[in-house]
Amino acid sequence: MLNTRIFSRRLRILMLVLIFVSGIQSVLPFDLIYNKNEIAGDITFPEIKGWKLVQDYPVYYPENLWDYIDGAADAYLSYLFIDLHIAEYVSKDGNIIKAEVYHHKAPEYAFGIYSIERTPDYDFQDYGTQGYAEESLVHFITRDYYVKVITNSSGEEVRQSIPLVAREVAESLGDPGPMPEALQLFPERGKVVHSEKFIADNFLGHQFMKRVFTSDYSEGNEDFMLFLMEKDSPEECKEIIEAYYGFTGQTVELKEGLHTITDKYNGTLYMIWEGNCIWGAMNVEDPATGKKYLDLMGANIRQ
């Protein structure tokens, strides 16, 4: 049986995912995301002593992911999901540990879906690129894979074996690689550890805000967020700023520099456009605090 703390955390994850899914207005058609035959690949699950490897599940692709995770599928598709491979490890006593390997188009997308399903207070441990463990699960990312090792079984055998299965699966997937480089641009001062996220689409409910990295911050009595968008060209950044002012009805000169956006749904945002980057702060009560952190982030970006 799951204890109350674990159940509450899983319920919180489900609520976060459902909130995120409710904000997704559209998902790219499967054939516009990638060619399945070019990118999808096999996963070789490791043999583990004392556990029988069973692979009875089909491989799930974007067109049938709903058959497995139903309501959460839209969120995974928005993070350019490629395929899902599943294996079960069965002990002689009938205990089952399941390994789910979600493959995404690039590491930032694997990190993104992982990031919206975790909270900073989890027990983070050394699995893959980053991961966390609970009594009945280990979740981690490694390059473009998001891996879940989970069980509904109980007992000492299972408790000791979940970390073993997780580490063996992680090793079978090869070098874990680093966290997304963009996260290094966020200032360390005031950052809430493990609060970083990558939002693939509809950041703050706006379709023109895509591929956004975020992190939570705290200073004094203020809790706020910094965010970053790296685009292919200054023109693309200009289009985002223009679209945001179009949404708010503000009339300003579209040029690089500081922009103060008054969003009736999200409050006041302070955003800097410079070259191919837009970075900003929201939920900041004191403009001086916002400016200070934008300057800190800008110094990292310009290095």
C-alpha atoms as a PDB file:
ATOM      1  CA  MET A   1       0.000   0.000   0.000  1.00  0.00           C
ATOM      2  CA  LEU A   2       1.225   3.529  -0.768  1.00  0.00           C
ATOM      3  CA  ASN A   3       1.664   5.785   2.233  1.00  0.00           C
ATOM      4  CA  THR A   4      -0.203   9.092   2.425  1.00  0.00           C
ATOM      5  CA  ARG A   5       2.856  11.205   1.564  1.00  0.00           C
ATOM      6  CA  ILE A   6       3.583   9.253  -1.638  1.00  0.00           C
ATOM      7  CA  PHE A   7      -0.083   9.319  -2.672  1.00  0.00           C
ATOM      8  CA  SER A   8      -0.266  13.084  -2.110  1.00  0.00           C
ATOM      9  CA  ARG A   9       2.808  13.667  -4.245  1.00  0.00           C
ATOM     10  CA  ARG A  10       1.473  11.500  -7.078  1.00  0.00           C
ATOM     11  CA  LEU A  11      -1.845  13.340  -6.910  1.00  0.00           C
ATOM     12  CA  ARG A  12       0.022  16.649  -7.101  1.00  0.00           C
ATOM     13  CA  ILE A  13       1.916  15.448 -10.197  1.00  0.00           C
ATOM     14  CA  LEU A  14      -1.358  14.421 -11.849  1.00  0.00           C
ATOM     15  CA  MET A  15      -2.896  17.819 -11.097  1.00  0.00           C
ATOM     16  CA  LEU A  16       0.127  19.638 -12.562  1.00  0.00           C
ATOM     17  CA  VAL A  17      -0.037  17.582 -15.746  1.00  0.00           C
ATOM     18  CA  LEU A  18      -3.788  18.102 -16.118  1.00  0.00           C
ATOM     19  CA  ILE A  19      -3.367  21.855 -15.645  1.00  0.00           C
ATOM     20  CA  PHE A  20      -0.643  21.852 -18.275  1.00  0.00           C
ATOM     21  CA  VAL A  21      -2.703  19.771 -20.715  1.00  0.00           C
ATOM     22  CA  SER A  22      -5.674  22.115 -20.310  1.00  0.00           C
ATOM     23  CA  GLY A  23      -3.501  24.916 -21.666  1.00  0.00           C
ATOM     24  CA  ILE A  24      -2.483  23.063 -24.803  1.00  0.00           C
ATOM     25  CA  GLN A  25      -4.530  24.404 -27.670  1.00  0.00           C
ATOM     26  CA  SER A  26      -3.140  22.123 -30.362  1.00  0.00           C
ATOM     27  CA  VAL A  27      -0.600  19.371 -30.891  1.00  0.00           C
ATOM     28  CA  LEU A  28       1.396  19.042 -34.079  1.00  0.00           C
ATOM     29  CA  PRO A  29       0.167  16.239 -36.336  1.00  0.00           C
ATOM     30  CA  PHE A  30       2.276  13.136 -35.985  1.00  0.00           C
ATOM     31  CA  ASP A  31       3.579  13.217 -39.574  1.00  0.00           C
ATOM     32  CA  LEU A  32       4.742  16.830 -39.160  1.00  0.00           C
ATOM     33  CA  ILE A  33       6.838  16.100 -36.068  1.00  0.00           C
ATOM     34  CA  TYR A  34       9.181  13.495 -37.482  1.00  0.00           C
ATOM     35  CA  ASN A  35       9.508  10.422 -39.637  1.00  0.00           C
ATOM     36  CA  LYS A  36       8.974   7.466 -37.294  1.00  0.00           C
ATOM     37  CA  ASN A  37      11.115   5.136 -39.387  1.00  0.00           C
ATOM     38  CA  GLU A  38      14.047   7.558 -39.250  1.00  0.00           C
ATOM     39  CA  ILE A  39      14.031   8.410 -35.545  1.00  0.00           C
ATOM     40  CA  ALA A  40      12.263   5.686 -33.588  1.00  0.00           C
ATOM     41  CA  GLY A  41      14.518   2.904 -32.396  1.00  0.00           C
ATOM     42  CA  ASP A  42      14.668  -0.233 -30.317  1.00  0.00           C
ATOM     43  CA  ILE A  43      15.454  -0.259 -26.617  1.00  0.00           C
ATOM     44  CA  THR A  44      17.466  -3.165 -25.243  1.00  0.00           C
ATOM     45  CA  PHE A  45      16.439  -3.748 -21.649  1.00  0.00           C
ATOM     46  CA  PRO A  46      19.110  -5.333 -19.441  1.00  0.00           C
ATOM     47  CA  GLU A  47      18.830  -8.771 -17.879  1.00  0.00           C
ATOM     48  CA  ILE A  48      18.887  -8.568 -14.071  1.00  0.00           C
ATOM     49  CA  LYS A  49      19.816 -11.518 -11.870  1.00  0.00           C
ATOM     50  CA  GLY A  50      16.867 -12.848  -9.897  1.00  0.00           C
ATOM     51  CA  TRP A  51      14.315 -11.110 -12.091  1.00  0.00           C
ATOM     52  CA  LYS A  52      12.698 -12.439 -15.256  1.00  0.00           C
ATOM     53  CA  LEU A  53      12.580  -9.905 -18.101  1.00  0.00           C
ATOM     54  CA  VAL A  54       9.098  -9.809 -19.688  1.00  0.00           C
ATOM     55  CA  GLN A  55       8.317  -7.627 -22.704  1.00  0.00           C
ATOM     56  CA  ASP A  56       4.649  -8.176 -23.489  1.00  0.00           C
ATOM     57  CA  TYR A  57       3.702  -4.549 -24.071  1.00  0.00           C
ATOM     58  CA  PRO A  58       3.604  -3.139 -27.594  1.00  0.00           C
ATOM     59  CA  VAL A  59       5.742  -0.156 -28.528  1.00  0.00           C
ATOM     60  CA  TYR A  60       3.628   2.983 -28.251  1.00  0.00           C
ATOM     61  CA  TYR A  61       3.884   5.822 -30.781  1.00  0.00           C
ATOM     62  CA  PRO A  62       2.190   9.234 -30.940  1.00  0.00           C
ATOM     63  CA  GLU A  63      -0.853   7.835 -32.698  1.00  0.00           C
ATOM     64  CA  ASN A  64      -1.605   5.275 -29.961  1.00  0.00           C
ATOM     65  CA  LEU A  65      -0.057   6.706 -26.784  1.00  0.00           C
ATOM     66  CA  TRP A  66      -3.577   7.467 -25.545  1.00  0.00           C
ATOM     67  CA  ASP A  67      -4.098   3.710 -25.255  1.00  0.00           C
ATOM     68  CA  TYR A  68      -1.553   3.646 -22.432  1.00  0.00           C
ATOM     69  CA  ILE A  69      -1.612   6.987 -20.605  1.00  0.00           C
ATOM     70  CA  ASP A  70      -4.880   8.421 -21.935  1.00  0.00           C
ATOM     71  CA  GLY A  71      -5.403  11.896 -20.425  1.00  0.00           C
ATOM     72  CA  ALA A  72      -1.684  12.683 -20.103  1.00  0.00           C
ATOM     73  CA  ALA A  73      -0.868  11.834 -23.728  1.00  0.00           C
ATOM     74  CA  ASP A  74      -1.372  15.380 -25.019  1.00  0.00           C
ATOM     75  CA  ALA A  75       1.289  16.702 -22.656  1.00  0.00           C
ATOM     76  CA  TYR A  76       3.787  14.093 -23.832  1.00  0.00           C
ATOM     77  CA  LEU A  77       3.032  14.788 -27.501  1.00  0.00           C
ATOM     78  CA  SER A  78       3.635  18.494 -26.992  1.00  0.00           C
ATOM     79  CA  TYR A  79       7.148  17.530 -25.892  1.00  0.00           C
ATOM     80  CA  LEU A  80       7.777  15.779 -29.227  1.00  0.00           C
ATOM     81  CA  PHE A  81       7.311  12.246 -27.959  1.00  0.00           C
ATOM     82  CA  ILE A  82       8.700   9.581 -30.313  1.00  0.00           C
ATOM     83  CA  ASP A  83       7.991   6.209 -28.738  1.00  0.00           C
ATOM     84  CA  LEU A  84       7.528   4.342 -25.473  1.00  0.00           C
ATOM     85  CA  HIS A  85       9.142   0.985 -24.667  1.00  0.00           C
ATOM     86  CA  ILE A  86       8.007  -0.972 -21.610  1.00  0.00           C
ATOM     87  CA  ALA A  87       9.468  -3.965 -19.826  1.00  0.00           C
ATOM     88  CA  GLU A  88       8.510  -5.780 -16.651  1.00  0.00           C
ATOM     89  CA  TYR A  89      10.867  -7.470 -14.237  1.00  0.00           C
ATOM     90  CA  VAL A  90       9.143 -10.341 -12.424  1.00  0.00           C
ATOM     91  CA  SER A  91      10.549 -12.081  -9.342  1.00  0.00           C
ATOM     92  CA  LYS A  92       9.978 -15.731  -8.446  1.00  0.00           C
ATOM     93  CA  ASP A  93       7.489 -14.510  -5.827  1.00  0.00           C
ATOM     94  CA  GLY A  94       5.456 -12.704  -8.467  1.00  0.00           C
ATOM     95  CA  ASN A  95       6.573  -9.165  -7.622  1.00  0.00           C
ATOM     96  CA  ILE A  96       6.667  -6.869 -10.640  1.00  0.00           C
ATOM     97  CA  ILE A  97       8.822  -3.825 -11.318  1.00  0.00           C
ATOM     98  CA  LYS A  98       7.944  -1.977 -14.512  1.00  0.00           C
ATOM     99  CA  ALA A  99      10.383   0.113 -16.565  1.00  0.00           C
ATOM    100  CA  GLU A 100       8.920   2.699 -18.953  1.00  0.00           C
ATOM    101  CA  VAL A 101      11.313   4.429 -21.363  1.00  0.00           C
ATOM    102  CA  TYR A 102       9.807   7.499 -23.054  1.00  0.00           C
ATOM    103  CA  HIS A 103      11.857   8.643 -26.038  1.00  0.00           C
ATOM    104  CA  HIS A 104      11.634  12.300 -27.100  1.00  0.00           C
ATOM    105  CA  LYS A 105      13.048  14.151 -30.087  1.00  0.00           C
ATOM    106  CA  ALA A 106      15.781  15.991 -28.143  1.00  0.00           C
ATOM    107  CA  PRO A 107      17.127  16.128 -24.567  1.00  0.00           C
ATOM    108  CA  GLU A 108      15.374  19.409 -23.748  1.00  0.00           C
ATOM    109  CA  TYR A 109      12.004  17.819 -24.510  1.00  0.00           C
ATOM    110  CA  ALA A 110      12.722  14.806 -22.288  1.00  0.00           C
ATOM    111  CA  PHE A 111      13.802  17.232 -19.579  1.00  0.00           C
ATOM    112  CA  GLY A 112      10.669  19.294 -20.181  1.00  0.00           C
ATOM    113  CA  ILE A 113       8.118  16.559 -19.571  1.00  0.00           C
ATOM    114  CA  TYR A 114      10.159  15.316 -16.615  1.00  0.00           C
ATOM    115  CA  SER A 115      10.331  18.850 -15.208  1.00  0.00           C
ATOM    116  CA  ILE A 116       6.570  19.397 -15.158  1.00  0.00           C
ATOM    117  CA  GLU A 117       6.059  16.101 -13.305  1.00  0.00           C
ATOM    118  CA  ARG A 118       8.446  16.844 -10.414  1.00  0.00           C
ATOM    119  CA  THR A 119       8.581  19.374  -7.594  1.00  0.00           C
ATOM    120  CA  PRO A 120      11.630  20.817  -5.810  1.00  0.00           C
ATOM    121  CA  ASP A 121      10.955  18.926  -2.563  1.00  0.00           C
ATOM    122  CA  TYR A 122      11.442  15.456  -4.055  1.00  0.00           C
ATOM    123  CA  ASP A 123      14.310  13.200  -2.964  1.00  0.00           C
ATOM    124  CA  PHE A 124      16.765  13.803  -5.817  1.00  0.00           C
ATOM    125  CA  GLN A 125      19.379  11.099  -6.316  1.00  0.00           C
ATOM    126  CA  ASP A 126      22.092  10.126  -8.766  1.00  0.00           C
ATOM    127  CA  TYR A 127      20.195   8.470 -11.611  1.00  0.00           C
ATOM    128  CA  GLY A 128      20.997   9.322 -15.236  1.00  0.00           C
ATOM    129  CA  THR A 129      21.315  13.040 -15.888  1.00  0.00           C
ATOM    130  CA  GLN A 130      18.987  13.799 -12.975  1.00  0.00           C
ATOM    131  CA  GLY A 131      16.442  11.762 -11.088  1.00  0.00           C
ATOM    132  CA  TYR A 132      14.518  11.278  -7.896  1.00  0.00           C
ATOM    133  CA  ALA A 133      13.315   8.320  -5.854  1.00  0.00           C
ATOM    134  CA  GLU A 134      10.309   7.521  -3.734  1.00  0.00           C
ATOM    135  CA  GLU A 135       9.214   4.382  -1.939  1.00  0.00           C
ATOM    136  CA  SER A 136       7.722   2.772  -5.040  1.00  0.00           C
ATOM    137  CA  LEU A 137       9.375   4.573  -7.933  1.00  0.00           C
ATOM    138  CA  VAL A 138      12.449   6.097  -9.519  1.00  0.00           C
ATOM    139  CA  HIS A 139      12.073   8.699 -12.277  1.00  0.00           C
ATOM    140  CA  PHE A 140      15.036  10.069 -14.212  1.00  0.00           C
ATOM    141  CA  ILE A 141      16.188  11.535 -17.503  1.00  0.00           C
ATOM    142  CA  THR A 142      19.150  10.533 -19.589  1.00  0.00           C
ATOM    143  CA  ARG A 143      19.729  12.451 -22.833  1.00  0.00           C
ATOM    144  CA  ASP A 144      16.488  12.241 -24.843  1.00  0.00           C
ATOM    145  CA  TYR A 145      14.903   9.575 -22.625  1.00  0.00           C
ATOM    146  CA  TYR A 146      12.539  10.019 -19.698  1.00  0.00           C
ATOM    147  CA  VAL A 147      12.490   6.823 -17.649  1.00  0.00           C
ATOM    148  CA  LYS A 148      10.028   5.676 -15.011  1.00  0.00           C
ATOM    149  CA  VAL A 149      10.736   2.621 -12.867  1.00  0.00           C
ATOM    150  CA  ILE A 150       7.619   1.889 -10.846  1.00  0.00           C
ATOM    151  CA  THR A 151       5.867  -0.856  -8.917  1.00  0.00           C
ATOM    152  CA  ASN A 152       2.610  -1.679  -7.208  1.00  0.00           C
ATOM    153  CA  SER A 153       4.262  -4.551  -5.331  1.00  0.00           C
ATOM    154  CA  SER A 154       5.491  -4.221  -1.757  1.00  0.00           C
ATOM    155  CA  GLY A 155       8.051  -5.818   0.501  1.00  0.00           C
ATOM    156  CA  GLU A 156      11.763  -5.677   1.207  1.00  0.00           C
ATOM    157  CA  GLU A 157      12.735  -7.457  -2.027  1.00  0.00           C
ATOM    158  CA  VAL A 158      11.008  -4.827  -4.129  1.00  0.00           C
ATOM    159  CA  ARG A 159      12.247  -1.911  -2.027  1.00  0.00           C
ATOM    160  CA  GLN A 160      15.856  -2.985  -2.496  1.00  0.00           C
ATOM    161  CA  SER A 161      15.477  -3.873  -6.174  1.00  0.00           C
ATOM    162  CA  ILE A 162      13.859  -0.695  -7.556  1.00  0.00           C
ATOM    163  CA  PRO A 163      17.155   1.269  -7.375  1.00  0.00           C
ATOM    164  CA  LEU A 164      18.978  -1.700  -8.934  1.00  0.00           C
ATOM    165  CA  VAL A 165      16.575  -1.876 -11.870  1.00  0.00           C
ATOM    166  CA  ALA A 166      16.742   1.901 -12.335  1.00  0.00           C
ATOM    167  CA  ARG A 167      20.548   1.947 -12.404  1.00  0.00           C
ATOM    168  CA  GLU A 168      20.755  -1.017 -14.777  1.00  0.00           C
ATOM    169  CA  VAL A 169      18.277   0.588 -17.179  1.00  0.00           C
ATOM    170  CA  ALA A 170      20.123   3.913 -16.953  1.00  0.00           C
ATOM    171  CA  GLU A 171      23.433   2.212 -17.748  1.00  0.00           C
ATOM    172  CA  SER A 172      21.907   0.356 -20.699  1.00  0.00           C
ATOM    173  CA  LEU A 173      20.898   3.700 -22.242  1.00  0.00           C
ATOM    174  CA  GLY A 174      24.502   4.924 -22.336  1.00  0.00           C
ATOM    175  CA  ASP A 175      26.127   8.196 -21.357  1.00  0.00           C
ATOM    176  CA  PRO A 176      23.495  10.341 -19.604  1.00  0.00           C
ATOM    177  CA  GLY A 177      24.756  13.662 -20.950  1.00  0.00           C
ATOM    178  CA  PRO A 178      24.387  17.062 -19.262  1.00  0.00           C
ATOM    179  CA  MET A 179      21.355  19.102 -18.320  1.00  0.00           C
ATOM    180  CA  PRO A 180      20.188  21.568 -21.020  1.00  0.00           C
ATOM    181  CA  GLU A 181      22.817  24.265 -21.529  1.00  0.00           C
ATOM    182  CA  ALA A 182      20.261  27.059 -21.254  1.00  0.00           C
ATOM    183  CA  LEU A 183      19.835  26.311 -17.553  1.00  0.00           C
ATOM    184  CA  GLN A 184      23.393  27.488 -16.939  1.00  0.00           C
ATOM    185  CA  LEU A 185      22.317  31.005 -17.932  1.00  0.00           C
ATOM    186  CA  PHE A 186      20.019  31.386 -14.933  1.00  0.00           C
ATOM    187  CA  PRO A 187      21.676  33.150 -11.983  1.00  0.00           C
ATOM    188  CA  GLU A 188      22.433  30.954  -8.977  1.00  0.00           C
ATOM    189  CA  ARG A 189      21.568  33.665  -6.485  1.00  0.00           C
ATOM    190  CA  GLY A 190      18.101  33.141  -5.047  1.00  0.00           C
ATOM    191  CA  LYS A 191      17.318  30.163  -7.291  1.00  0.00           C
ATOM    192  CA  VAL A 192      15.003  27.495  -5.913  1.00  0.00           C
ATOM    193  CA  VAL A 193      16.957  24.280  -6.441  1.00  0.00           C
ATOM    194  CA  HIS A 194      15.306  21.784  -8.819  1.00  0.00           C
ATOM    195  CA  SER A 195      12.569  24.249  -9.824  1.00  0.00           C
ATOM    196  CA  GLU A 196      13.802  24.612 -13.423  1.00  0.00           C
ATOM    197  CA  LYS A 197      11.352  23.757 -16.179  1.00  0.00           C
ATOM    198  CA  PHE A 198      11.127  23.712 -19.952  1.00  0.00           C
ATOM    199  CA  ILE A 199       7.734  24.684 -21.382  1.00  0.00           C
ATOM    200  CA  ALA A 200       7.401  23.501 -24.957  1.00  0.00           C
ATOM    201  CA  ASP A 201       4.288  25.428 -25.935  1.00  0.00           C
ATOM    202  CA  ASN A 202       1.714  27.965 -24.715  1.00  0.00           C
ATOM    203  CA  PHE A 203       3.844  29.510 -21.985  1.00  0.00           C
ATOM    204  CA  LEU A 204       1.513  31.583 -19.756  1.00  0.00           C
ATOM    205  CA  GLY A 205      -1.313  30.526 -22.066  1.00  0.00           C
ATOM    206  CA  HIS A 206       0.089  32.340 -25.120  1.00  0.00           C
ATOM    207  CA  GLN A 207       0.612  30.431 -28.361  1.00  0.00           C
ATOM    208  CA  PHE A 208       3.406  32.778 -29.444  1.00  0.00           C
ATOM    209  CA  MET A 209       5.474  31.822 -26.359  1.00  0.00           C
ATOM    210  CA  LYS A 210       7.197  28.535 -27.175  1.00  0.00           C
ATOM    211  CA  ARG A 211      10.304  26.680 -26.002  1.00  0.00           C
ATOM    212  CA  VAL A 212      10.696  28.576 -22.739  1.00  0.00           C
ATOM    213  CA  PHE A 213      13.053  27.679 -19.890  1.00  0.00           C
ATOM    214  CA  THR A 214      11.996  28.849 -16.430  1.00  0.00           C
ATOM    215  CA  SER A 215      13.202  28.752 -12.845  1.00  0.00           C
ATOM    216  CA  ASP A 216      11.664  29.864  -9.563  1.00  0.00           C
ATOM    217  CA  TYR A 217      13.417  32.352  -7.296  1.00  0.00           C
ATOM    218  CA  SER A 218      13.062  33.628  -3.772  1.00  0.00           C
ATOM    219  CA  GLU A 219      14.562  36.722  -2.167  1.00  0.00           C
ATOM    220  CA  GLY A 220      13.354  38.186   1.089  1.00  0.00           C
ATOM    221  CA  ASN A 221       9.580  38.026   1.039  1.00  0.00           C
ATOM    222  CA  GLU A 222       9.377  37.765  -2.735  1.00  0.00           C
ATOM    223  CA  ASP A 223       8.828  34.593  -4.747  1.00  0.00           C
ATOM    224  CA  PHE A 224       9.066  35.063  -8.490  1.00  0.00           C
ATOM    225  CA  MET A 225      10.063  33.419 -11.767  1.00  0.00           C
ATOM    226  CA  LEU A 226      12.721  34.066 -14.366  1.00  0.00           C
ATOM    227  CA  PHE A 227      12.310  32.784 -17.917  1.00  0.00           C
ATOM    228  CA  LEU A 228      14.381  32.540 -21.089  1.00  0.00           C
ATOM    229  CA  MET A 229      13.681  32.068 -24.785  1.00  0.00           C
ATOM    230  CA  GLU A 230      16.528  31.476 -27.251  1.00  0.00           C
ATOM    231  CA  LYS A 231      15.405  31.913 -30.858  1.00  0.00           C
ATOM    232  CA  ASP A 232      16.947  31.503 -34.302  1.00  0.00           C
ATOM    233  CA  SER A 233      16.972  35.217 -35.158  1.00  0.00           C
ATOM    234  CA  PRO A 234      16.298  38.695 -33.749  1.00  0.00           C
ATOM    235  CA  GLU A 235      13.314  38.918 -36.092  1.00  0.00           C
ATOM    236  CA  GLU A 236      11.697  35.961 -34.355  1.00  0.00           C
ATOM    237  CA  CYS A 237      12.176  37.703 -30.999  1.00  0.00           C
ATOM    238  CA  LYS A 238      10.670  40.884 -32.424  1.00  0.00           C
ATOM    239  CA  GLU A 239       7.609  38.939 -33.559  1.00  0.00           C
ATOM    240  CA  ILE A 240       7.113  37.600 -30.022  1.00  0.00           C
ATOM    241  CA  ILE A 241       7.349  41.058 -28.466  1.00  0.00           C
ATOM    242  CA  GLU A 242       4.997  42.434 -31.123  1.00  0.00           C
ATOM    243  CA  ALA A 243       2.494  39.640 -30.545  1.00  0.00           C
ATOM    244  CA  TYR A 244       2.551  40.217 -26.789  1.00  0.00           C
ATOM    245  CA  TYR A 245       1.928  43.935 -27.156  1.00  0.00           C
ATOM    246  CA  GLY A 246      -0.814  43.092 -29.621  1.00  0.00           C
ATOM    247  CA  PHE A 247      -2.433  40.915 -26.977  1.00  0.00           C
ATOM    248  CA  THR A 248      -2.190  43.561 -24.231  1.00  0.00           C
ATOM    249  CA  GLY A 249      -3.161  46.479 -26.471  1.00  0.00           C
ATOM    250  CA  GLN A 250      -0.069  48.450 -25.511  1.00  0.00           C
ATOM    251  CA  THR A 251       1.503  50.716 -28.147  1.00  0.00           C
ATOM    252  CA  VAL A 252       5.284  50.987 -27.918  1.00  0.00           C
ATOM    253  CA  GLU A 253       8.328  51.146 -30.159  1.00  0.00           C
ATOM    254  CA  LEU A 254       9.507  47.671 -31.105  1.00  0.00           C
ATOM    255  CA  LYS A 255      13.215  47.753 -30.373  1.00  0.00           C
ATOM    256  CA  GLU A 256      15.742  45.778 -28.384  1.00  0.00           C
ATOM    257  CA  GLY A 257      15.930  46.505 -24.664  1.00  0.00           C
ATOM    258  CA  LEU A 258      13.623  46.404 -21.656  1.00  0.00           C
ATOM    259  CA  HIS A 259       9.887  45.934 -22.183  1.00  0.00           C
ATOM    260  CA  THR A 260       7.244  46.129 -19.462  1.00  0.00           C
ATOM    261  CA  ILE A 261       4.255  43.981 -20.379  1.00  0.00           C
ATOM    262  CA  THR A 262       0.926  44.436 -18.599  1.00  0.00           C
ATOM    263  CA  ASP A 263      -0.825  41.085 -18.964  1.00  0.00           C
ATOM    264  CA  LYS A 264      -4.307  41.042 -17.459  1.00  0.00           C
ATOM    265  CA  TYR A 265      -3.999  37.314 -16.762  1.00  0.00           C
ATOM    266  CA  ASN A 266      -0.369  37.092 -15.627  1.00  0.00           C
ATOM    267  CA  GLY A 267       0.358  40.497 -14.123  1.00  0.00           C
ATOM    268  CA  THR A 268       3.333  42.687 -14.986  1.00  0.00           C
ATOM    269  CA  LEU A 269       6.239  41.065 -16.804  1.00  0.00           C
ATOM    270  CA  TYR A 270       9.645  42.645 -17.266  1.00  0.00           C
ATOM    271  CA  MET A 271      11.272  41.362 -20.453  1.00  0.00           C
ATOM    272  CA  ILE A 272      14.557  42.129 -22.168  1.00  0.00           C
ATOM    273  CA  TRP A 273      14.993  41.490 -25.859  1.00  0.00           C
ATOM    274  CA  GLU A 274      18.585  41.377 -27.011  1.00  0.00           C
ATOM    275  CA  GLY A 275      19.714  39.706 -30.217  1.00  0.00           C
ATOM    276  CA  ASN A 276      18.340  36.164 -30.419  1.00  0.00           C
ATOM    277  CA  CYS A 277      17.275  36.071 -26.762  1.00  0.00           C
ATOM    278  CA  ILE A 278      14.362  37.187 -24.655  1.00  0.00           C
ATOM    279  CA  TRP A 279      14.594  36.843 -20.899  1.00  0.00           C
ATOM    280  CA  GLY A 280      12.238  38.104 -18.273  1.00  0.00           C
ATOM    281  CA  ALA A 281      10.831  38.147 -14.749  1.00  0.00           C
ATOM    282  CA  MET A 282       7.259  37.771 -13.525  1.00  0.00           C
ATOM    283  CA  ASN A 283       5.464  37.887 -10.170  1.00  0.00           C
ATOM    284  CA  VAL A 284       7.987  40.497  -9.012  1.00  0.00           C
ATOM    285  CA  GLU A 285       6.472  43.051  -6.634  1.00  0.00           C
ATOM    286  CA  ASP A 286       9.525  45.327  -6.434  1.00  0.00           C
ATOM    287  CA  PRO A 287      10.703  46.480  -9.894  1.00  0.00           C
ATOM    288  CA  ALA A 288      14.201  46.946  -8.455  1.00  0.00           C
ATOM    289  CA  THR A 289      14.347  43.218  -7.657  1.00  0.00           C
ATOM    290  CA  GLY A 290      13.246  42.378 -11.173  1.00  0.00           C
ATOM    291  CA  LYS A 291      15.874  44.649 -12.704  1.00  0.00           C
ATOM    292  CA  LYS A 292      18.608  43.205 -10.503  1.00  0.00           C
ATOM    293  CA  TYR A 293      17.875  39.634 -11.553  1.00  0.00           C
ATOM    294  CA  LEU A 294      17.453  40.548 -15.204  1.00  0.00           C
ATOM    295  CA  ASP A 295      20.892  42.154 -15.038  1.00  0.00           C
ATOM    296  CA  LEU A 296      22.372  39.032 -13.430  1.00  0.00           C
ATOM    297  CA  MET A 297      20.863  36.851 -16.139  1.00  0.00           C
ATOM    298  CA  GLY A 298      21.912  39.241 -18.871  1.00  0.00           C
ATOM    299  CA  ALA A 299      25.516  39.074 -17.689  1.00  0.00           C
ATOM    300  CA  ASN A 300      25.432  35.281 -18.031  1.00  0.00           C
ATOM    301  CA  ILE A 301      23.850  35.444 -21.502  1.00  0.00           C
ATOM    302  CA  ARG A 302      26.393  37.952 -22.808  1.00  0.00           C
ATOM    303  CA  GLN A 303      29.421  35.944 -21.701  1.00  0.00           C
END
